Amino acid sequence: MVWNIVIPIVTLILGLVGGFFIGVYYLRKQLEKMQSDPEALQKMAKQMGYNLNGKQMQRAQQMMKNQQFSKNQPGTRRNQGRRK
């Protein structure tokens, strides 16, 4: 009787956790692919409502190259926001 409640809950939790990690892996691979493909980066920007010119595209690509999407990189952000 109790197992009819516990097993679906455990299965749901494991599915959510597994789906999250699969999604993160897929997103990282897509971002790595976009680093070397300016057309994909331009398409993503248009989907988000931005129209990037050449200089902005170069800056975005440079930012993505500086931001390595590897597993052993800490998730810290630097120089985000205004300087005081």
PDB file of N, CA and C in Angstrom:
ATOM      1  N   MET A   1       0.811  -1.204   0.000  1.00  0.00           N
ATOM      2  CA  MET A   1       0.000   0.000   0.000  1.00  0.00           C
ATOM      3  C   MET A   1       0.849   1.261   0.000  1.00  0.00           C
ATOM      4  N   VAL A   2       1.832   1.321   0.892  1.00  0.00           N
ATOM      5  CA  VAL A   2       2.683   2.504   0.979  1.00  0.00           C
ATOM      6  C   VAL A   2       3.543   2.643  -0.279  1.00  0.00           C
ATOM      7  N   TRP A   3       3.927   1.472  -0.843  1.00  0.00           N
ATOM      8  CA  TRP A   3       4.782   1.520  -2.033  1.00  0.00           C
ATOM      9  C   TRP A   3       4.052   2.123  -3.229  1.00  0.00           C
ATOM     10  N   ASN A   4       2.755   2.055  -3.254  1.00  0.00           N
ATOM     11  CA  ASN A   4       1.986   2.654  -4.351  1.00  0.00           C
ATOM     12  C   ASN A   4       2.060   4.172  -4.324  1.00  0.00           C
ATOM     13  N   ILE A   5       2.457   4.752  -3.230  1.00  0.00           N
ATOM     14  CA  ILE A   5       2.617   6.200  -3.112  1.00  0.00           C
ATOM     15  C   ILE A   5       4.082   6.593  -3.218  1.00  0.00           C
ATOM     16  N   VAL A   6       4.966   5.820  -2.605  1.00  0.00           N
ATOM     17  CA  VAL A   6       6.395   6.166  -2.536  1.00  0.00           C
ATOM     18  C   VAL A   6       7.072   6.026  -3.890  1.00  0.00           C
ATOM     19  N   ILE A   7       6.839   4.937  -4.580  1.00  0.00           N
ATOM     20  CA  ILE A   7       7.531   4.686  -5.853  1.00  0.00           C
ATOM     21  C   ILE A   7       7.219   5.766  -6.896  1.00  0.00           C
ATOM     22  N   PRO A   8       5.975   6.191  -7.110  1.00  0.00           N
ATOM     23  CA  PRO A   8       5.743   7.276  -8.086  1.00  0.00           C
ATOM     24  C   PRO A   8       6.411   8.589  -7.689  1.00  0.00           C
ATOM     25  N   ILE A   9       6.455   8.899  -6.406  1.00  0.00           N
ATOM     26  CA  ILE A   9       7.094  10.143  -5.966  1.00  0.00           C
ATOM     27  C   ILE A   9       8.599  10.081  -6.209  1.00  0.00           C
ATOM     28  N   VAL A  10       9.225   8.958  -5.856  1.00  0.00           N
ATOM     29  CA  VAL A  10      10.666   8.797  -6.076  1.00  0.00           C
ATOM     30  C   VAL A  10      10.982   8.834  -7.568  1.00  0.00           C
ATOM     31  N   THR A  11      10.156   8.182  -8.367  1.00  0.00           N
ATOM     32  CA  THR A  11      10.358   8.183  -9.821  1.00  0.00           C
ATOM     33  C   THR A  11      10.235   9.594 -10.393  1.00  0.00           C
ATOM     34  N   LEU A  12       9.283  10.361  -9.914  1.00  0.00           N
ATOM     35  CA  LEU A  12       9.117  11.742 -10.371  1.00  0.00           C
ATOM     36  C   LEU A  12      10.343  12.580 -10.027  1.00  0.00           C
ATOM     37  N   ILE A  13      10.832  12.450  -8.811  1.00  0.00           N
ATOM     38  CA  ILE A  13      12.009  13.224  -8.395  1.00  0.00           C
ATOM     39  C   ILE A  13      13.227  12.842  -9.220  1.00  0.00           C
ATOM     40  N   LEU A  14      13.448  11.542  -9.425  1.00  0.00           N
ATOM     41  CA  LEU A  14      14.589  11.102 -10.235  1.00  0.00           C
ATOM     42  C   LEU A  14      14.462  11.581 -11.685  1.00  0.00           C
ATOM     43  N   GLY A  15      13.254  11.580 -12.221  1.00  0.00           N
ATOM     44  CA  GLY A  15      13.038  12.068 -13.579  1.00  0.00           C
ATOM     45  C   GLY A  15      13.318  13.550 -13.709  1.00  0.00           C
ATOM     46  N   LEU A  16      12.902  14.334 -12.722  1.00  0.00           N
ATOM     47  CA  LEU A  16      13.157  15.780 -12.755  1.00  0.00           C
ATOM     48  C   LEU A  16      14.657  16.073 -12.664  1.00  0.00           C
ATOM     49  N   VAL A  17      15.341  15.375 -11.760  1.00  0.00           N
ATOM     50  CA  VAL A  17      16.781  15.597 -11.609  1.00  0.00           C
ATOM     51  C   VAL A  17      17.513  15.171 -12.879  1.00  0.00           C
ATOM     52  N   GLY A  18      17.160  14.009 -13.414  1.00  0.00           N
ATOM     53  CA  GLY A  18      17.797  13.538 -14.647  1.00  0.00           C
ATOM     54  C   GLY A  18      17.522  14.472 -15.812  1.00  0.00           C
ATOM     55  N   GLY A  19      16.299  14.942 -15.940  1.00  0.00           N
ATOM     56  CA  GLY A  19      15.952  15.873 -17.015  1.00  0.00           C
ATOM     57  C   GLY A  19      16.699  17.183 -16.908  1.00  0.00           C
ATOM     58  N   PHE A  20      16.893  17.656 -15.677  1.00  0.00           N
ATOM     59  CA  PHE A  20      17.642  18.890 -15.473  1.00  0.00           C
ATOM     60  C   PHE A  20      19.070  18.743 -15.975  1.00  0.00           C
ATOM     61  N   PHE A  21      19.741  17.654 -15.591  1.00  0.00           N
ATOM     62  CA  PHE A  21      21.128  17.483 -15.997  1.00  0.00           C
ATOM     63  C   PHE A  21      21.263  17.234 -17.497  1.00  0.00           C
ATOM     64  N   ILE A  22      20.322  16.549 -18.078  1.00  0.00           N
ATOM     65  CA  ILE A  22      20.342  16.363 -19.534  1.00  0.00           C
ATOM     66  C   ILE A  22      20.147  17.709 -20.231  1.00  0.00           C
ATOM     67  N   GLY A  23      19.257  18.549 -19.708  1.00  0.00           N
ATOM     68  CA  GLY A  23      19.041  19.878 -20.274  1.00  0.00           C
ATOM     69  C   GLY A  23      20.271  20.759 -20.177  1.00  0.00           C
ATOM     70  N   VAL A  24      20.962  20.713 -19.049  1.00  0.00           N
ATOM     71  CA  VAL A  24      22.191  21.499 -18.884  1.00  0.00           C
ATOM     72  C   VAL A  24      23.253  21.032 -19.864  1.00  0.00           C
ATOM     73  N   TYR A  25      23.399  19.729 -20.015  1.00  0.00           N
ATOM     74  CA  TYR A  25      24.378  19.183 -20.956  1.00  0.00           C
ATOM     75  C   TYR A  25      24.067  19.633 -22.378  1.00  0.00           C
ATOM     76  N   TYR A  26      22.794  19.548 -22.770  1.00  0.00           N
ATOM     77  CA  TYR A  26      22.387  19.948 -24.121  1.00  0.00           C
ATOM     78  C   TYR A  26      22.629  21.438 -24.350  1.00  0.00           C
ATOM     79  N   LEU A  27      22.295  22.262 -23.362  1.00  0.00           N
ATOM     80  CA  LEU A  27      22.483  23.704 -23.494  1.00  0.00           C
ATOM     81  C   LEU A  27      23.963  24.048 -23.633  1.00  0.00           C
ATOM     82  N   ARG A  28      24.821  23.406 -22.859  1.00  0.00           N
ATOM     83  CA  ARG A  28      26.265  23.667 -22.970  1.00  0.00           C
ATOM     84  C   ARG A  28      26.783  23.304 -24.346  1.00  0.00           C
ATOM     85  N   LYS A  29      26.342  22.168 -24.876  1.00  0.00           N
ATOM     86  CA  LYS A  29      26.786  21.763 -26.214  1.00  0.00           C
ATOM     87  C   LYS A  29      26.324  22.767 -27.266  1.00  0.00           C
ATOM     88  N   GLN A  30      25.090  23.275 -27.140  1.00  0.00           N
ATOM     89  CA  GLN A  30      24.591  24.262 -28.091  1.00  0.00           C
ATOM     90  C   GLN A  30      25.395  25.555 -28.016  1.00  0.00           C
ATOM     91  N   LEU A  31      25.732  25.990 -26.797  1.00  0.00           N
ATOM     92  CA  LEU A  31      26.507  27.223 -26.646  1.00  0.00           C
ATOM     93  C   LEU A  31      27.926  27.049 -27.165  1.00  0.00           C
ATOM     94  N   GLU A  32      28.515  25.867 -26.981  1.00  0.00           N
ATOM     95  CA  GLU A  32      29.843  25.614 -27.539  1.00  0.00           C
ATOM     96  C   GLU A  32      29.807  25.660 -29.058  1.00  0.00           C
ATOM     97  N   LYS A  33      28.744  25.135 -29.642  1.00  0.00           N
ATOM     98  CA  LYS A  33      28.606  25.143 -31.099  1.00  0.00           C
ATOM     99  C   LYS A  33      28.450  26.562 -31.626  1.00  0.00           C
ATOM    100  N   MET A  34      27.748  27.418 -30.872  1.00  0.00           N
ATOM    101  CA  MET A  34      27.512  28.792 -31.305  1.00  0.00           C
ATOM    102  C   MET A  34      28.774  29.642 -31.281  1.00  0.00           C
ATOM    103  N   GLN A  35      29.765  29.249 -30.510  1.00  0.00           N
ATOM    104  CA  GLN A  35      30.996  30.031 -30.441  1.00  0.00           C
ATOM    105  C   GLN A  35      31.661  30.133 -31.806  1.00  0.00           C
ATOM    106  N   SER A  36      31.605  29.061 -32.569  1.00  0.00           N
ATOM    107  CA  SER A  36      32.283  29.049 -33.862  1.00  0.00           C
ATOM    108  C   SER A  36      31.332  29.271 -35.036  1.00  0.00           C
ATOM    109  N   ASP A  37      30.053  29.480 -34.766  1.00  0.00           N
ATOM    110  CA  ASP A  37      29.075  29.634 -35.833  1.00  0.00           C
ATOM    111  C   ASP A  37      28.345  30.969 -35.683  1.00  0.00           C
ATOM    112  N   PRO A  38      28.797  32.021 -36.387  1.00  0.00           N
ATOM    113  CA  PRO A  38      28.168  33.330 -36.242  1.00  0.00           C
ATOM    114  C   PRO A  38      26.709  33.354 -36.711  1.00  0.00           C
ATOM    115  N   GLU A  39      26.348  32.502 -37.679  1.00  0.00           N
ATOM    116  CA  GLU A  39      24.968  32.483 -38.139  1.00  0.00           C
ATOM    117  C   GLU A  39      24.034  31.993 -37.031  1.00  0.00           C
ATOM    118  N   ALA A  40      24.472  30.988 -36.282  1.00  0.00           N
ATOM    119  CA  ALA A  40      23.652  30.473 -35.185  1.00  0.00           C
ATOM    120  C   ALA A  40      23.507  31.531 -34.091  1.00  0.00           C
ATOM    121  N   LEU A  41      24.576  32.260 -33.833  1.00  0.00           N
ATOM    122  CA  LEU A  41      24.520  33.319 -32.827  1.00  0.00           C
ATOM    123  C   LEU A  41      23.577  34.436 -33.274  1.00  0.00           C
ATOM    124  N   GLN A  42      23.632  34.797 -34.546  1.00  0.00           N
ATOM    125  CA  GLN A  42      22.738  35.821 -35.087  1.00  0.00           C
ATOM    126  C   GLN A  42      21.285  35.359 -35.012  1.00  0.00           C
ATOM    127  N   LYS A  43      21.040  34.087 -35.322  1.00  0.00           N
ATOM    128  CA  LYS A  43      19.682  33.539 -35.264  1.00  0.00           C
ATOM    129  C   LYS A  43      19.147  33.581 -33.831  1.00  0.00           C
ATOM    130  N   MET A  44      19.992  33.211 -32.863  1.00  0.00           N
ATOM    131  CA  MET A  44      19.563  33.244 -31.474  1.00  0.00           C
ATOM    132  C   MET A  44      19.243  34.669 -31.038  1.00  0.00           C
ATOM    133  N   ALA A  45      20.064  35.629 -31.459  1.00  0.00           N
ATOM    134  CA  ALA A  45      19.829  37.021 -31.096  1.00  0.00           C
ATOM    135  C   ALA A  45      18.509  37.513 -31.686  1.00  0.00           C
ATOM    136  N   LYS A  46      18.217  37.142 -32.940  1.00  0.00           N
ATOM    137  CA  LYS A  46      16.950  37.553 -33.562  1.00  0.00           C
ATOM    138  C   LYS A  46      15.763  36.940 -32.847  1.00  0.00           C
ATOM    139  N   GLN A  47      15.895  35.689 -32.390  1.00  0.00           N
ATOM    140  CA  GLN A  47      14.803  35.051 -31.659  1.00  0.00           C
ATOM    141  C   GLN A  47      14.550  35.761 -30.332  1.00  0.00           C
ATOM    142  N   MET A  48      15.593  36.347 -29.775  1.00  0.00           N
ATOM    143  CA  MET A  48      15.446  37.076 -28.518  1.00  0.00           C
ATOM    144  C   MET A  48      15.021  38.521 -28.753  1.00  0.00           C
ATOM    145  N   GLY A  49      14.922  38.938 -30.005  1.00  0.00           N
ATOM    146  CA  GLY A  49      14.447  40.278 -30.309  1.00  0.00           C
ATOM    147  C   GLY A  49      15.553  41.293 -30.516  1.00  0.00           C
ATOM    148  N   TYR A  50      16.794  40.836 -30.688  1.00  0.00           N
ATOM    149  CA  TYR A  50      17.919  41.740 -30.913  1.00  0.00           C
ATOM    150  C   TYR A  50      18.378  41.634 -32.353  1.00  0.00           C
ATOM    151  N   ASN A  51      18.804  42.751 -32.914  1.00  0.00           N
ATOM    152  CA  ASN A  51      19.382  42.764 -34.246  1.00  0.00           C
ATOM    153  C   ASN A  51      20.807  43.279 -34.109  1.00  0.00           C
ATOM    154  N   LEU A  52      21.782  42.370 -34.170  1.00  0.00           N
ATOM    155  CA  LEU A  52      23.175  42.724 -33.920  1.00  0.00           C
ATOM    156  C   LEU A  52      23.873  43.140 -35.212  1.00  0.00           C
ATOM    157  N   ASN A  53      24.646  44.220 -35.128  1.00  0.00           N
ATOM    158  CA  ASN A  53      25.473  44.589 -36.273  1.00  0.00           C
ATOM    159  C   ASN A  53      26.808  43.834 -36.177  1.00  0.00           C
ATOM    160  N   GLY A  54      27.702  44.080 -37.129  1.00  0.00           N
ATOM    161  CA  GLY A  54      28.963  43.334 -37.191  1.00  0.00           C
ATOM    162  C   GLY A  54      29.822  43.484 -35.949  1.00  0.00           C
ATOM    163  N   LYS A  55      29.924  44.706 -35.456  1.00  0.00           N
ATOM    164  CA  LYS A  55      30.755  44.949 -34.271  1.00  0.00           C
ATOM    165  C   LYS A  55      30.169  44.246 -33.044  1.00  0.00           C
ATOM    166  N   GLN A  56      28.856  44.302 -32.901  1.00  0.00           N
ATOM    167  CA  GLN A  56      28.212  43.630 -31.777  1.00  0.00           C
ATOM    168  C   GLN A  56      28.351  42.116 -31.876  1.00  0.00           C
ATOM    169  N   MET A  57      28.300  41.587 -33.105  1.00  0.00           N
ATOM    170  CA  MET A  57      28.485  40.147 -33.297  1.00  0.00           C
ATOM    171  C   MET A  57      29.882  39.730 -32.872  1.00  0.00           C
ATOM    172  N   GLN A  58      30.895  40.521 -33.271  1.00  0.00           N
ATOM    173  CA  GLN A  58      32.264  40.193 -32.895  1.00  0.00           C
ATOM    174  C   GLN A  58      32.439  40.238 -31.379  1.00  0.00           C
ATOM    175  N   ARG A  59      31.829  41.238 -30.745  1.00  0.00           N
ATOM    176  CA  ARG A  59      31.924  41.353 -29.293  1.00  0.00           C
ATOM    177  C   ARG A  59      31.233  40.164 -28.608  1.00  0.00           C
ATOM    178  N   ALA A  60      30.080  39.762 -29.122  1.00  0.00           N
ATOM    179  CA  ALA A  60      29.362  38.628 -28.534  1.00  0.00           C
ATOM    180  C   ALA A  60      30.161  37.340 -28.689  1.00  0.00           C
ATOM    181  N   GLN A  61      30.764  37.149 -29.865  1.00  0.00           N
ATOM    182  CA  GLN A  61      31.584  35.952 -30.075  1.00  0.00           C
ATOM    183  C   GLN A  61      32.803  35.958 -29.161  1.00  0.00           C
ATOM    184  N   GLN A  62      33.423  37.116 -29.001  1.00  0.00           N
ATOM    185  CA  GLN A  62      34.586  37.206 -28.128  1.00  0.00           C
ATOM    186  C   GLN A  62      34.200  36.907 -26.677  1.00  0.00           C
ATOM    187  N   MET A  63      33.051  37.421 -26.260  1.00  0.00           N
ATOM    188  CA  MET A  63      32.592  37.143 -24.895  1.00  0.00           C
ATOM    189  C   MET A  63      32.331  35.650 -24.705  1.00  0.00           C
ATOM    190  N   MET A  64      31.757  35.009 -25.718  1.00  0.00           N
ATOM    191  CA  MET A  64      31.487  33.578 -25.608  1.00  0.00           C
ATOM    192  C   MET A  64      32.772  32.762 -25.617  1.00  0.00           C
ATOM    193  N   LYS A  65      33.778  33.212 -26.362  1.00  0.00           N
ATOM    194  CA  LYS A  65      35.055  32.492 -26.357  1.00  0.00           C
ATOM    195  C   LYS A  65      35.761  32.641 -25.024  1.00  0.00           C
ATOM    196  N   ASN A  66      35.632  33.824 -24.402  1.00  0.00           N
ATOM    197  CA  ASN A  66      36.247  34.032 -23.096  1.00  0.00           C
ATOM    198  C   ASN A  66      35.526  33.234 -22.022  1.00  0.00           C
ATOM    199  N   GLN A  67      34.233  33.020 -22.193  1.00  0.00           N
ATOM    200  CA  GLN A  67      33.429  32.252 -21.240  1.00  0.00           C
ATOM    201  C   GLN A  67      33.497  30.792 -21.655  1.00  0.00           C
ATOM    202  N   GLN A  68      34.364  30.030 -21.032  1.00  0.00           N
ATOM    203  CA  GLN A  68      34.502  28.618 -21.377  1.00  0.00           C
ATOM    204  C   GLN A  68      33.368  27.836 -20.730  1.00  0.00           C
ATOM    205  N   PHE A  69      32.689  26.995 -21.498  1.00  0.00           N
ATOM    206  CA  PHE A  69      31.558  26.210 -21.003  1.00  0.00           C
ATOM    207  C   PHE A  69      32.040  24.801 -20.680  1.00  0.00           C
ATOM    208  N   SER A  70      32.987  24.716 -19.769  1.00  0.00           N
ATOM    209  CA  SER A  70      33.496  23.402 -19.390  1.00  0.00           C
ATOM    210  C   SER A  70      32.958  22.996 -18.033  1.00  0.00           C
ATOM    211  N   LYS A  71      33.077  21.726 -17.715  1.00  0.00           N
ATOM    212  CA  LYS A  71      32.510  21.203 -16.474  1.00  0.00           C
ATOM    213  C   LYS A  71      33.288  21.653 -15.248  1.00  0.00           C
ATOM    214  N   ASN A  72      34.588  21.868 -15.382  1.00  0.00           N
ATOM    215  CA  ASN A  72      35.387  22.179 -14.205  1.00  0.00           C
ATOM    216  C   ASN A  72      35.565  23.669 -13.975  1.00  0.00           C
ATOM    217  N   GLN A  73      34.760  24.498 -14.604  1.00  0.00           N
ATOM    218  CA  GLN A  73      34.819  25.937 -14.370  1.00  0.00           C
ATOM    219  C   GLN A  73      33.844  26.315 -13.275  1.00  0.00           C
ATOM    220  N   PRO A  74      34.281  27.089 -12.307  1.00  0.00           N
ATOM    221  CA  PRO A  74      33.329  27.541 -11.287  1.00  0.00           C
ATOM    222  C   PRO A  74      32.324  28.510 -11.890  1.00  0.00           C
ATOM    223  N   GLY A  75      31.165  28.602 -11.292  1.00  0.00           N
ATOM    224  CA  GLY A  75      30.089  29.424 -11.826  1.00  0.00           C
ATOM    225  C   GLY A  75      30.129  30.861 -11.357  1.00  0.00           C
ATOM    226  N   THR A  76      31.310  31.409 -11.119  1.00  0.00           N
ATOM    227  CA  THR A  76      31.405  32.780 -10.647  1.00  0.00           C
ATOM    228  C   THR A  76      31.383  33.733 -11.821  1.00  0.00           C
ATOM    229  N   ARG A  77      30.845  34.919 -11.578  1.00  0.00           N
ATOM    230  CA  ARG A  77      30.818  35.961 -12.601  1.00  0.00           C
ATOM    231  C   ARG A  77      31.717  37.091 -12.163  1.00  0.00           C
ATOM    232  N   ARG A  78      32.412  37.658 -13.130  1.00  0.00           N
ATOM    233  CA  ARG A  78      33.290  38.778 -12.843  1.00  0.00           C
ATOM    234  C   ARG A  78      32.864  39.988 -13.637  1.00  0.00           C
ATOM    235  N   ASN A  79      33.093  41.144 -13.073  1.00  0.00           N
ATOM    236  CA  ASN A  79      32.871  42.419 -13.745  1.00  0.00           C
ATOM    237  C   ASN A  79      31.465  42.549 -14.323  1.00  0.00           C
ATOM    238  N   GLN A  80      30.483  42.120 -13.575  1.00  0.00           N
ATOM    239  CA  GLN A  80      29.094  42.273 -13.990  1.00  0.00           C
ATOM    240  C   GLN A  80      28.525  43.501 -13.326  1.00  0.00           C
ATOM    241  N   GLY A  81      28.072  44.454 -14.104  1.00  0.00           N
ATOM    242  CA  GLY A  81      27.488  45.656 -13.536  1.00  0.00           C
ATOM    243  C   GLY A  81      28.414  46.853 -13.665  1.00  0.00           C
ATOM    244  N   ARG A  82      28.033  47.912 -13.006  1.00  0.00           N
ATOM    245  CA  ARG A  82      28.788  49.169 -13.104  1.00  0.00           C
ATOM    246  C   ARG A  82      29.937  49.189 -12.120  1.00  0.00           C
ATOM    247  N   ARG A  83      30.946  49.930 -12.505  1.00  0.00           N
ATOM    248  CA  ARG A  83      32.057  50.154 -11.596  1.00  0.00           C
ATOM    249  C   ARG A  83      31.748  51.351 -10.714  1.00  0.00           C
ATOM    250  N   LYS A  84      32.233  51.309  -9.506  1.00  0.00           N
ATOM    251  CA  LYS A  84      31.979  52.405  -8.577  1.00  0.00           C
ATOM    252  C   LYS A  84      33.113  53.387  -8.561  1.00  0.00           C
TER     253      LYS A  84
END
